[in-house]
Amino acid sequence: MNGTTVAAPQTTARERIIRSAYELFSHRAIRDVGVDELIQSAGVATSTFYRHFPSKDDAVIAFLERRETIWTYGTVEAEARRRGTTAREQLLAIFDIYDEWFRRDDYEACSFMHVLFEMGSEHPLGRASIDNLGRIRQVVRMFATEAGLQGVDDFDWSWHILMKGAIVAAEEGDKDAALRAKKMGAWLIDQHSA
């Protein structure tokens, strides 16, 4: 090296806005966070915000996409694959991941469910949340198919009910919700095994 310091790459304004949106929306209601707060949190000018996101809804969509990348694929799918050597173990590992999530001090429940309930299924953000939840179910379906389970169409919906139910129970204060769901999940797998 010649003794010069290499500067860290600059974070783009768009990325700063998405990071701020992620932090704010994952812990608070969509309607509770205003555009002015997003702009201030991201440290951008109003015109910069609107250049990247013509509306607040566009920023929420970017948040949901980031949440899907981080949570659905980066945590649920990747961690389940890492923790289990078989597709059955990977399915059950989802609830181990949830158990750790539910016990975190910063547990924030499911952003997709929050947005859906807050905005409603007919609102574009509600529809986007339904699509995100559907992609989580596709991950479950993939594991179920790899496990050779029967009735995968029924299984993925049933498994997803266990996942969402555990999230609601944890929100109610049941820190063992994922462990309870895992026991029911093992029974569900047995019911769909050939």
N, C-alpha and C. Protein backbone atom coordinates (compact mmCIF):
# COMPACT_ATOMS: atom_id res chain seq x y z
N MET A 1 0.85 -1.18 0.00
CA MET A 1 0.00 0.00 0.00
C MET A 1 0.88 1.23 0.00
N ASN A 2 0.36 2.28 -0.53
CA ASN A 2 1.12 3.51 -0.61
C ASN A 2 0.79 4.48 0.52
N GLY A 3 0.06 4.04 1.50
CA GLY A 3 -0.26 4.89 2.65
C GLY A 3 -1.51 5.72 2.48
N THR A 4 -2.18 5.60 1.35
CA THR A 4 -3.42 6.36 1.17
C THR A 4 -4.58 5.61 1.78
N THR A 5 -5.53 6.35 2.23
CA THR A 5 -6.72 5.76 2.83
C THR A 5 -7.80 5.65 1.78
N VAL A 6 -8.43 4.49 1.73
CA VAL A 6 -9.53 4.29 0.79
C VAL A 6 -10.81 4.66 1.51
N ALA A 7 -11.55 5.57 0.93
CA ALA A 7 -12.80 6.03 1.54
C ALA A 7 -13.87 4.95 1.40
N ALA A 8 -14.67 4.85 2.42
CA ALA A 8 -15.80 3.92 2.36
C ALA A 8 -16.78 4.43 1.31
N PRO A 9 -17.42 3.51 0.59
CA PRO A 9 -18.38 3.96 -0.41
C PRO A 9 -19.52 4.76 0.23
N GLN A 10 -19.93 5.79 -0.46
CA GLN A 10 -21.01 6.63 0.03
C GLN A 10 -22.34 5.90 -0.12
N THR A 11 -23.18 6.02 0.87
CA THR A 11 -24.52 5.46 0.78
C THR A 11 -25.38 6.42 -0.03
N THR A 12 -26.10 5.89 -0.99
CA THR A 12 -26.93 6.75 -1.81
C THR A 12 -28.12 7.28 -1.01
N ALA A 13 -28.68 8.36 -1.49
CA ALA A 13 -29.85 8.94 -0.83
C ALA A 13 -30.99 7.93 -0.81
N ARG A 14 -31.19 7.23 -1.91
CA ARG A 14 -32.26 6.23 -1.97
C ARG A 14 -32.06 5.17 -0.89
N GLU A 15 -30.84 4.70 -0.75
CA GLU A 15 -30.55 3.68 0.26
C GLU A 15 -30.77 4.22 1.67
N ARG A 16 -30.39 5.46 1.92
CA ARG A 16 -30.61 6.05 3.24
C ARG A 16 -32.11 6.14 3.54
N ILE A 17 -32.89 6.47 2.53
CA ILE A 17 -34.35 6.55 2.72
C ILE A 17 -34.91 5.16 3.02
N ILE A 18 -34.47 4.16 2.28
CA ILE A 18 -34.97 2.79 2.51
C ILE A 18 -34.57 2.30 3.89
N ARG A 19 -33.34 2.57 4.30
CA ARG A 19 -32.91 2.16 5.64
C ARG A 19 -33.74 2.84 6.72
N SER A 20 -34.00 4.12 6.55
CA SER A 20 -34.83 4.84 7.52
C SER A 20 -36.25 4.30 7.52
N ALA A 21 -36.79 4.06 6.33
CA ALA A 21 -38.14 3.50 6.23
C ALA A 21 -38.19 2.14 6.92
N TYR A 22 -37.16 1.33 6.71
CA TYR A 22 -37.13 0.00 7.32
C TYR A 22 -37.15 0.12 8.85
N GLU A 23 -36.32 0.98 9.37
CA GLU A 23 -36.24 1.14 10.82
C GLU A 23 -37.56 1.68 11.39
N LEU A 24 -38.13 2.65 10.74
CA LEU A 24 -39.36 3.27 11.25
C LEU A 24 -40.58 2.36 11.06
N PHE A 25 -40.76 1.83 9.85
CA PHE A 25 -41.96 1.05 9.56
C PHE A 25 -41.96 -0.33 10.22
N SER A 26 -40.79 -0.89 10.48
CA SER A 26 -40.79 -2.22 11.11
C SER A 26 -41.16 -2.15 12.58
N HIS A 27 -41.10 -0.96 13.16
CA HIS A 27 -41.42 -0.81 14.59
C HIS A 27 -42.68 0.02 14.85
N ARG A 28 -43.21 0.66 13.82
CA ARG A 28 -44.38 1.52 14.02
C ARG A 28 -45.36 1.34 12.87
N ALA A 29 -46.55 1.82 13.08
CA ALA A 29 -47.58 1.74 12.05
C ALA A 29 -47.22 2.63 10.87
N ILE A 30 -47.68 2.24 9.70
CA ILE A 30 -47.41 3.01 8.48
C ILE A 30 -47.98 4.42 8.61
N ARG A 31 -49.21 4.52 9.08
CA ARG A 31 -49.85 5.83 9.20
C ARG A 31 -49.24 6.68 10.31
N ASP A 32 -48.49 6.05 11.20
CA ASP A 32 -47.86 6.76 12.32
C ASP A 32 -46.58 7.49 11.90
N VAL A 33 -46.03 7.09 10.76
CA VAL A 33 -44.78 7.68 10.28
C VAL A 33 -45.09 8.59 9.10
N GLY A 34 -44.77 9.86 9.25
CA GLY A 34 -45.02 10.82 8.17
C GLY A 34 -43.83 10.96 7.24
N VAL A 35 -44.08 11.53 6.09
CA VAL A 35 -43.02 11.76 5.11
C VAL A 35 -41.94 12.67 5.70
N ASP A 36 -42.35 13.69 6.44
CA ASP A 36 -41.36 14.60 7.03
C ASP A 36 -40.41 13.85 7.96
N GLU A 37 -40.94 12.91 8.73
CA GLU A 37 -40.08 12.13 9.63
C GLU A 37 -39.13 11.24 8.83
N LEU A 38 -39.63 10.64 7.75
CA LEU A 38 -38.77 9.82 6.88
C LEU A 38 -37.63 10.66 6.30
N ILE A 39 -37.98 11.84 5.83
CA ILE A 39 -37.00 12.74 5.22
C ILE A 39 -35.95 13.13 6.26
N GLN A 40 -36.40 13.51 7.43
CA GLN A 40 -35.47 13.91 8.49
C GLN A 40 -34.59 12.75 8.92
N SER A 41 -35.19 11.58 9.10
CA SER A 41 -34.43 10.40 9.53
C SER A 41 -33.37 10.00 8.50
N ALA A 42 -33.71 10.13 7.24
CA ALA A 42 -32.78 9.75 6.16
C ALA A 42 -31.74 10.84 5.91
N GLY A 43 -32.00 12.06 6.38
CA GLY A 43 -31.07 13.16 6.15
C GLY A 43 -31.00 13.59 4.70
N VAL A 44 -32.16 13.62 4.05
CA VAL A 44 -32.23 14.04 2.66
C VAL A 44 -33.16 15.24 2.52
N ALA A 45 -33.04 15.92 1.41
CA ALA A 45 -33.95 17.03 1.10
C ALA A 45 -35.30 16.48 0.65
N THR A 46 -36.32 17.27 0.83
CA THR A 46 -37.67 16.87 0.40
C THR A 46 -37.68 16.51 -1.08
N SER A 47 -37.04 17.34 -1.89
CA SER A 47 -37.02 17.07 -3.34
C SER A 47 -36.30 15.76 -3.65
N THR A 48 -35.28 15.44 -2.88
CA THR A 48 -34.57 14.17 -3.07
C THR A 48 -35.48 12.99 -2.75
N PHE A 49 -36.21 13.10 -1.64
CA PHE A 49 -37.13 12.03 -1.28
C PHE A 49 -38.12 11.78 -2.42
N TYR A 50 -38.76 12.85 -2.91
CA TYR A 50 -39.79 12.70 -3.93
C TYR A 50 -39.21 12.31 -5.29
N ARG A 51 -37.95 12.58 -5.52
CA ARG A 51 -37.31 12.12 -6.76
C ARG A 51 -37.20 10.60 -6.75
N HIS A 52 -36.92 10.03 -5.59
CA HIS A 52 -36.78 8.57 -5.48
C HIS A 52 -38.10 7.87 -5.19
N PHE A 53 -38.98 8.53 -4.45
CA PHE A 53 -40.26 7.94 -4.05
C PHE A 53 -41.36 8.98 -4.26
N PRO A 54 -42.08 8.90 -5.38
CA PRO A 54 -43.10 9.90 -5.67
C PRO A 54 -44.19 10.01 -4.60
N SER A 55 -44.35 8.96 -3.79
CA SER A 55 -45.34 9.01 -2.71
C SER A 55 -44.82 8.20 -1.52
N LYS A 56 -45.44 8.39 -0.40
CA LYS A 56 -45.09 7.61 0.79
C LYS A 56 -45.34 6.12 0.53
N ASP A 57 -46.42 5.81 -0.19
CA ASP A 57 -46.71 4.41 -0.51
C ASP A 57 -45.55 3.75 -1.25
N ASP A 58 -44.88 4.52 -2.12
CA ASP A 58 -43.73 3.96 -2.84
C ASP A 58 -42.60 3.61 -1.87
N ALA A 59 -42.41 4.44 -0.84
CA ALA A 59 -41.40 4.15 0.18
C ALA A 59 -41.79 2.92 0.99
N VAL A 60 -43.09 2.76 1.25
CA VAL A 60 -43.56 1.58 1.98
C VAL A 60 -43.32 0.32 1.15
N ILE A 61 -43.58 0.39 -0.14
CA ILE A 61 -43.32 -0.76 -1.02
C ILE A 61 -41.84 -1.13 -0.98
N ALA A 62 -40.96 -0.14 -1.01
CA ALA A 62 -39.51 -0.40 -0.93
C ALA A 62 -39.17 -1.04 0.41
N PHE A 63 -39.81 -0.58 1.48
CA PHE A 63 -39.62 -1.20 2.80
C PHE A 63 -40.05 -2.66 2.78
N LEU A 64 -41.23 -2.95 2.23
CA LEU A 64 -41.72 -4.33 2.18
C LEU A 64 -40.78 -5.21 1.36
N GLU A 65 -40.26 -4.67 0.26
CA GLU A 65 -39.32 -5.44 -0.55
C GLU A 65 -38.04 -5.74 0.23
N ARG A 66 -37.55 -4.75 0.97
CA ARG A 66 -36.34 -4.95 1.77
C ARG A 66 -36.62 -5.97 2.87
N ARG A 67 -37.80 -5.87 3.50
CA ARG A 67 -38.16 -6.80 4.56
C ARG A 67 -38.20 -8.23 4.02
N GLU A 68 -38.74 -8.38 2.82
CA GLU A 68 -38.80 -9.70 2.21
C GLU A 68 -37.40 -10.25 1.95
N THR A 69 -36.51 -9.41 1.45
CA THR A 69 -35.14 -9.85 1.19
C THR A 69 -34.46 -10.27 2.48
N ILE A 70 -34.58 -9.43 3.50
CA ILE A 70 -33.90 -9.71 4.78
C ILE A 70 -34.56 -10.85 5.52
N TRP A 71 -35.88 -10.80 5.65
CA TRP A 71 -36.58 -11.74 6.53
C TRP A 71 -36.92 -13.05 5.81
N THR A 72 -37.70 -12.96 4.72
CA THR A 72 -38.18 -14.17 4.06
C THR A 72 -37.03 -15.01 3.52
N TYR A 73 -36.16 -14.36 2.76
CA TYR A 73 -35.09 -15.12 2.10
C TYR A 73 -33.80 -15.17 2.92
N GLY A 74 -33.44 -14.07 3.55
CA GLY A 74 -32.18 -14.01 4.28
C GLY A 74 -32.22 -14.66 5.64
N THR A 75 -33.41 -14.71 6.25
CA THR A 75 -33.51 -15.32 7.58
C THR A 75 -34.27 -16.63 7.52
N VAL A 76 -35.54 -16.60 7.17
CA VAL A 76 -36.35 -17.82 7.23
C VAL A 76 -35.78 -18.90 6.31
N GLU A 77 -35.66 -18.62 5.02
CA GLU A 77 -35.20 -19.65 4.09
C GLU A 77 -33.73 -20.03 4.34
N ALA A 78 -32.86 -19.04 4.38
CA ALA A 78 -31.42 -19.33 4.50
C ALA A 78 -31.08 -20.00 5.83
N GLU A 79 -31.64 -19.48 6.91
CA GLU A 79 -31.34 -20.05 8.23
C GLU A 79 -31.93 -21.45 8.38
N ALA A 80 -33.13 -21.66 7.86
CA ALA A 80 -33.73 -23.01 7.93
C ALA A 80 -32.87 -24.01 7.18
N ARG A 81 -32.38 -23.61 6.01
CA ARG A 81 -31.49 -24.51 5.24
C ARG A 81 -30.20 -24.78 6.01
N ARG A 82 -29.67 -23.76 6.66
CA ARG A 82 -28.42 -23.93 7.40
C ARG A 82 -28.61 -24.84 8.60
N ARG A 83 -29.75 -24.75 9.25
CA ARG A 83 -29.98 -25.47 10.51
C ARG A 83 -30.44 -26.91 10.31
N GLY A 84 -31.03 -27.21 9.18
CA GLY A 84 -31.56 -28.56 8.97
C GLY A 84 -30.86 -29.27 7.84
N THR A 85 -30.66 -30.57 8.00
CA THR A 85 -30.02 -31.34 6.93
C THR A 85 -31.04 -31.97 5.99
N THR A 86 -32.28 -32.08 6.45
CA THR A 86 -33.37 -32.59 5.60
C THR A 86 -34.44 -31.51 5.49
N ALA A 87 -35.29 -31.64 4.49
CA ALA A 87 -36.36 -30.66 4.31
C ALA A 87 -37.31 -30.65 5.52
N ARG A 88 -37.55 -31.83 6.12
CA ARG A 88 -38.39 -31.88 7.33
C ARG A 88 -37.74 -31.07 8.45
N GLU A 89 -36.44 -31.27 8.66
CA GLU A 89 -35.73 -30.51 9.70
C GLU A 89 -35.75 -29.02 9.39
N GLN A 90 -35.66 -28.69 8.11
CA GLN A 90 -35.67 -27.28 7.72
C GLN A 90 -37.03 -26.65 8.00
N LEU A 91 -38.09 -27.39 7.74
CA LEU A 91 -39.42 -26.87 8.08
C LEU A 91 -39.53 -26.59 9.57
N LEU A 92 -39.13 -27.55 10.37
CA LEU A 92 -39.21 -27.39 11.82
C LEU A 92 -38.26 -26.30 12.34
N ALA A 93 -37.15 -26.12 11.63
CA ALA A 93 -36.19 -25.08 12.03
C ALA A 93 -36.80 -23.68 11.93
N ILE A 94 -37.81 -23.53 11.09
CA ILE A 94 -38.49 -22.23 10.99
C ILE A 94 -38.96 -21.79 12.38
N PHE A 95 -39.47 -22.73 13.15
CA PHE A 95 -39.98 -22.38 14.47
C PHE A 95 -38.85 -22.15 15.48
N ASP A 96 -37.68 -22.74 15.25
CA ASP A 96 -36.52 -22.41 16.08
C ASP A 96 -36.10 -20.96 15.81
N ILE A 97 -36.13 -20.58 14.54
CA ILE A 97 -35.82 -19.20 14.16
C ILE A 97 -36.83 -18.26 14.80
N TYR A 98 -38.10 -18.62 14.73
CA TYR A 98 -39.15 -17.79 15.35
C TYR A 98 -38.96 -17.70 16.85
N ASP A 99 -38.59 -18.81 17.48
CA ASP A 99 -38.41 -18.81 18.93
C ASP A 99 -37.35 -17.77 19.33
N GLU A 100 -36.25 -17.76 18.61
CA GLU A 100 -35.21 -16.76 18.90
C GLU A 100 -35.71 -15.35 18.63
N TRP A 101 -36.46 -15.16 17.56
CA TRP A 101 -37.02 -13.86 17.20
C TRP A 101 -37.98 -13.37 18.29
N PHE A 102 -38.86 -14.25 18.74
CA PHE A 102 -39.85 -13.86 19.75
C PHE A 102 -39.21 -13.45 21.07
N ARG A 103 -38.05 -13.96 21.34
CA ARG A 103 -37.38 -13.69 22.62
C ARG A 103 -36.46 -12.46 22.57
N ARG A 104 -36.30 -11.88 21.39
CA ARG A 104 -35.45 -10.69 21.28
C ARG A 104 -36.15 -9.49 21.93
N ASP A 105 -35.35 -8.62 22.50
CA ASP A 105 -35.90 -7.40 23.11
C ASP A 105 -36.54 -6.49 22.06
N ASP A 106 -36.07 -6.57 20.82
CA ASP A 106 -36.61 -5.71 19.77
C ASP A 106 -37.61 -6.44 18.86
N TYR A 107 -38.25 -7.49 19.39
CA TYR A 107 -39.25 -8.23 18.61
C TYR A 107 -40.30 -7.26 18.08
N GLU A 108 -40.51 -7.28 16.77
CA GLU A 108 -41.40 -6.32 16.14
C GLU A 108 -42.58 -6.96 15.41
N ALA A 109 -42.78 -8.25 15.57
CA ALA A 109 -43.87 -8.99 14.91
C ALA A 109 -43.69 -8.94 13.40
N CYS A 110 -44.72 -9.26 12.68
CA CYS A 110 -44.63 -9.40 11.23
C CYS A 110 -45.06 -8.11 10.53
N SER A 111 -44.13 -7.50 9.85
CA SER A 111 -44.43 -6.25 9.13
C SER A 111 -45.49 -6.47 8.06
N PHE A 112 -45.45 -7.60 7.38
CA PHE A 112 -46.44 -7.85 6.32
C PHE A 112 -47.84 -7.92 6.91
N MET A 113 -47.98 -8.60 8.04
CA MET A 113 -49.29 -8.68 8.69
C MET A 113 -49.72 -7.31 9.21
N HIS A 114 -48.78 -6.57 9.79
CA HIS A 114 -49.11 -5.23 10.30
C HIS A 114 -49.65 -4.34 9.19
N VAL A 115 -48.95 -4.30 8.06
CA VAL A 115 -49.37 -3.45 6.95
C VAL A 115 -50.71 -3.92 6.40
N LEU A 116 -50.89 -5.22 6.27
CA LEU A 116 -52.16 -5.76 5.77
C LEU A 116 -53.31 -5.35 6.69
N PHE A 117 -53.15 -5.54 7.99
CA PHE A 117 -54.22 -5.20 8.92
C PHE A 117 -54.46 -3.70 8.97
N GLU A 118 -53.41 -2.92 8.89
CA GLU A 118 -53.56 -1.47 8.96
C GLU A 118 -54.21 -0.89 7.71
N MET A 119 -53.81 -1.39 6.55
CA MET A 119 -54.25 -0.78 5.31
C MET A 119 -55.46 -1.50 4.68
N GLY A 120 -55.64 -2.77 5.00
CA GLY A 120 -56.74 -3.53 4.42
C GLY A 120 -56.33 -4.23 3.13
N SER A 121 -57.04 -5.28 2.81
CA SER A 121 -56.67 -6.12 1.67
C SER A 121 -56.93 -5.47 0.31
N GLU A 122 -57.75 -4.43 0.26
CA GLU A 122 -58.04 -3.77 -1.01
C GLU A 122 -57.06 -2.65 -1.33
N HIS A 123 -56.36 -2.17 -0.32
CA HIS A 123 -55.38 -1.09 -0.53
C HIS A 123 -54.15 -1.66 -1.24
N PRO A 124 -53.50 -0.90 -2.11
CA PRO A 124 -52.31 -1.42 -2.79
C PRO A 124 -51.22 -1.93 -1.83
N LEU A 125 -51.07 -1.28 -0.68
CA LEU A 125 -50.08 -1.76 0.29
C LEU A 125 -50.55 -3.05 0.95
N GLY A 126 -51.84 -3.20 1.16
CA GLY A 126 -52.38 -4.45 1.67
C GLY A 126 -52.17 -5.58 0.67
N ARG A 127 -52.41 -5.27 -0.60
CA ARG A 127 -52.19 -6.27 -1.65
C ARG A 127 -50.71 -6.67 -1.72
N ALA A 128 -49.82 -5.68 -1.59
CA ALA A 128 -48.39 -5.98 -1.61
C ALA A 128 -48.03 -6.88 -0.43
N SER A 129 -48.62 -6.64 0.71
CA SER A 129 -48.36 -7.47 1.89
C SER A 129 -48.86 -8.89 1.68
N ILE A 130 -50.02 -9.02 1.07
CA ILE A 130 -50.55 -10.35 0.75
C ILE A 130 -49.58 -11.09 -0.18
N ASP A 131 -49.04 -10.37 -1.16
CA ASP A 131 -48.06 -10.98 -2.07
C ASP A 131 -46.81 -11.42 -1.31
N ASN A 132 -46.34 -10.56 -0.38
CA ASN A 132 -45.17 -10.93 0.42
C ASN A 132 -45.45 -12.17 1.26
N LEU A 133 -46.62 -12.22 1.89
CA LEU A 133 -46.98 -13.39 2.68
C LEU A 133 -47.06 -14.64 1.80
N GLY A 134 -47.54 -14.46 0.57
CA GLY A 134 -47.60 -15.57 -0.37
C GLY A 134 -46.23 -16.12 -0.71
N ARG A 135 -45.24 -15.24 -0.76
CA ARG A 135 -43.88 -15.72 -1.07
C ARG A 135 -43.28 -16.47 0.13
N ILE A 136 -43.68 -16.11 1.33
CA ILE A 136 -43.25 -16.91 2.49
C ILE A 136 -43.85 -18.31 2.37
N ARG A 137 -45.11 -18.35 1.97
CA ARG A 137 -45.78 -19.64 1.80
C ARG A 137 -45.10 -20.45 0.69
N GLN A 138 -44.58 -19.78 -0.34
CA GLN A 138 -43.85 -20.48 -1.40
C GLN A 138 -42.58 -21.13 -0.86
N VAL A 139 -41.92 -20.48 0.09
CA VAL A 139 -40.74 -21.08 0.71
C VAL A 139 -41.16 -22.36 1.45
N VAL A 140 -42.26 -22.28 2.18
CA VAL A 140 -42.78 -23.46 2.89
C VAL A 140 -43.11 -24.56 1.88
N ARG A 141 -43.76 -24.19 0.78
CA ARG A 141 -44.13 -25.15 -0.25
C ARG A 141 -42.88 -25.83 -0.83
N MET A 142 -41.83 -25.05 -1.04
CA MET A 142 -40.58 -25.60 -1.56
C MET A 142 -40.02 -26.65 -0.61
N PHE A 143 -39.98 -26.32 0.69
CA PHE A 143 -39.49 -27.29 1.67
C PHE A 143 -40.39 -28.53 1.70
N ALA A 144 -41.70 -28.32 1.65
CA ALA A 144 -42.65 -29.44 1.69
C ALA A 144 -42.47 -30.35 0.48
N THR A 145 -42.27 -29.75 -0.68
CA THR A 145 -42.05 -30.53 -1.90
C THR A 145 -40.75 -31.32 -1.78
N GLU A 146 -39.70 -30.66 -1.29
CA GLU A 146 -38.41 -31.34 -1.11
C GLU A 146 -38.52 -32.48 -0.10
N ALA A 147 -39.42 -32.34 0.86
CA ALA A 147 -39.61 -33.39 1.87
C ALA A 147 -40.49 -34.52 1.35
N GLY A 148 -41.05 -34.36 0.15
CA GLY A 148 -41.90 -35.39 -0.43
C GLY A 148 -43.26 -35.48 0.24
N LEU A 149 -43.73 -34.39 0.82
CA LEU A 149 -45.02 -34.41 1.51
C LEU A 149 -46.16 -34.50 0.50
N GLN A 150 -47.27 -35.08 0.94
CA GLN A 150 -48.48 -35.20 0.13
C GLN A 150 -49.38 -34.00 0.40
N GLY A 151 -50.19 -33.63 -0.59
CA GLY A 151 -51.15 -32.54 -0.39
C GLY A 151 -50.46 -31.22 -0.07
N VAL A 152 -49.45 -30.88 -0.85
CA VAL A 152 -48.65 -29.68 -0.58
C VAL A 152 -49.50 -28.42 -0.59
N ASP A 153 -50.55 -28.38 -1.44
CA ASP A 153 -51.42 -27.19 -1.48
C ASP A 153 -52.08 -26.95 -0.12
N ASP A 154 -52.55 -28.00 0.50
CA ASP A 154 -53.16 -27.88 1.82
C ASP A 154 -52.10 -27.65 2.89
N PHE A 155 -50.97 -28.34 2.75
CA PHE A 155 -49.92 -28.25 3.75
C PHE A 155 -49.39 -26.82 3.88
N ASP A 156 -49.08 -26.17 2.75
CA ASP A 156 -48.45 -24.85 2.86
C ASP A 156 -49.38 -23.83 3.51
N TRP A 157 -50.67 -23.92 3.24
CA TRP A 157 -51.62 -23.02 3.92
C TRP A 157 -51.70 -23.33 5.41
N SER A 158 -51.76 -24.61 5.75
CA SER A 158 -51.84 -25.00 7.15
C SER A 158 -50.58 -24.59 7.91
N TRP A 159 -49.42 -24.81 7.30
CA TRP A 159 -48.16 -24.44 7.94
C TRP A 159 -48.09 -22.92 8.14
N HIS A 160 -48.57 -22.21 7.14
CA HIS A 160 -48.55 -20.75 7.22
C HIS A 160 -49.47 -20.25 8.33
N ILE A 161 -50.57 -20.94 8.55
CA ILE A 161 -51.45 -20.59 9.68
C ILE A 161 -50.69 -20.77 10.99
N LEU A 162 -49.92 -21.85 11.11
CA LEU A 162 -49.11 -22.05 12.32
C LEU A 162 -48.10 -20.92 12.50
N MET A 163 -47.46 -20.52 11.41
CA MET A 163 -46.47 -19.44 11.49
C MET A 163 -47.12 -18.13 11.93
N LYS A 164 -48.21 -17.77 11.27
CA LYS A 164 -48.89 -16.50 11.60
C LYS A 164 -49.51 -16.55 12.99
N GLY A 165 -50.07 -17.69 13.34
CA GLY A 165 -50.65 -17.84 14.68
C GLY A 165 -49.61 -17.70 15.77
N ALA A 166 -48.42 -18.26 15.53
CA ALA A 166 -47.34 -18.13 16.51
C ALA A 166 -46.93 -16.67 16.68
N ILE A 167 -46.91 -15.93 15.57
CA ILE A 167 -46.55 -14.51 15.63
C ILE A 167 -47.56 -13.74 16.47
N VAL A 168 -48.84 -14.01 16.24
CA VAL A 168 -49.88 -13.32 17.02
C VAL A 168 -49.78 -13.70 18.49
N ALA A 169 -49.57 -14.99 18.78
CA ALA A 169 -49.45 -15.42 20.17
C ALA A 169 -48.25 -14.78 20.85
N ALA A 170 -47.14 -14.67 20.13
CA ALA A 170 -45.95 -14.01 20.69
C ALA A 170 -46.25 -12.54 20.96
N GLU A 171 -46.99 -11.91 20.07
CA GLU A 171 -47.38 -10.50 20.26
C GLU A 171 -48.26 -10.35 21.51
N GLU A 172 -49.02 -11.38 21.80
CA GLU A 172 -49.86 -11.38 23.01
C GLU A 172 -49.04 -11.61 24.27
N GLY A 173 -47.79 -12.03 24.11
CA GLY A 173 -46.93 -12.26 25.26
C GLY A 173 -46.50 -13.70 25.48
N ASP A 174 -46.93 -14.61 24.62
CA ASP A 174 -46.56 -16.02 24.76
C ASP A 174 -45.19 -16.24 24.14
N LYS A 175 -44.15 -16.19 24.95
CA LYS A 175 -42.78 -16.35 24.46
C LYS A 175 -42.51 -17.78 23.98
N ASP A 176 -43.35 -18.74 24.37
CA ASP A 176 -43.18 -20.13 23.94
C ASP A 176 -44.02 -20.48 22.72
N ALA A 177 -44.60 -19.48 22.08
CA ALA A 177 -45.51 -19.73 20.95
C ALA A 177 -44.84 -20.53 19.84
N ALA A 178 -43.60 -20.23 19.53
CA ALA A 178 -42.92 -20.96 18.45
C ALA A 178 -42.69 -22.42 18.82
N LEU A 179 -42.40 -22.68 20.09
CA LEU A 179 -42.19 -24.06 20.53
C LEU A 179 -43.50 -24.84 20.44
N ARG A 180 -44.60 -24.20 20.79
CA ARG A 180 -45.91 -24.85 20.66
C ARG A 180 -46.22 -25.13 19.18
N ALA A 181 -45.95 -24.13 18.33
CA ALA A 181 -46.21 -24.29 16.90
C ALA A 181 -45.33 -25.39 16.30
N LYS A 182 -44.11 -25.51 16.79
CA LYS A 182 -43.20 -26.55 16.29
C LYS A 182 -43.77 -27.94 16.58
N LYS A 183 -44.34 -28.13 17.77
CA LYS A 183 -44.95 -29.43 18.10
C LYS A 183 -46.11 -29.72 17.15
N MET A 184 -46.95 -28.71 16.89
CA MET A 184 -48.06 -28.89 15.96
C MET A 184 -47.55 -29.12 14.54
N GLY A 185 -46.43 -28.45 14.21
CA GLY A 185 -45.83 -28.62 12.90
C GLY A 185 -45.36 -30.04 12.66
N ALA A 186 -44.76 -30.66 13.67
CA ALA A 186 -44.32 -32.05 13.53
C ALA A 186 -45.51 -32.96 13.26
N TRP A 187 -46.62 -32.71 13.94
CA TRP A 187 -47.84 -33.48 13.69
C TRP A 187 -48.34 -33.25 12.27
N LEU A 188 -48.31 -32.00 11.82
CA LEU A 188 -48.78 -31.68 10.47
C LEU A 188 -47.91 -32.36 9.41
N ILE A 189 -46.62 -32.36 9.62
CA ILE A 189 -45.72 -33.07 8.69
C ILE A 189 -46.07 -34.55 8.64
N ASP A 190 -46.28 -35.16 9.79
CA ASP A 190 -46.65 -36.58 9.84
C ASP A 190 -47.95 -36.84 9.07
N GLN A 191 -48.90 -35.93 9.21
CA GLN A 191 -50.19 -36.09 8.52
C GLN A 191 -50.04 -36.03 7.00
N HIS A 192 -49.03 -35.33 6.53
CA HIS A 192 -48.82 -35.16 5.08
C HIS A 192 -47.70 -36.05 4.53
N SER A 193 -47.15 -36.90 5.38
CA SER A 193 -46.09 -37.81 4.91
C SER A 193 -46.72 -39.01 4.23
N ALA A 194 -46.03 -39.53 3.23
CA ALA A 194 -46.55 -40.67 2.46
C ALA A 194 -46.55 -41.93 3.28
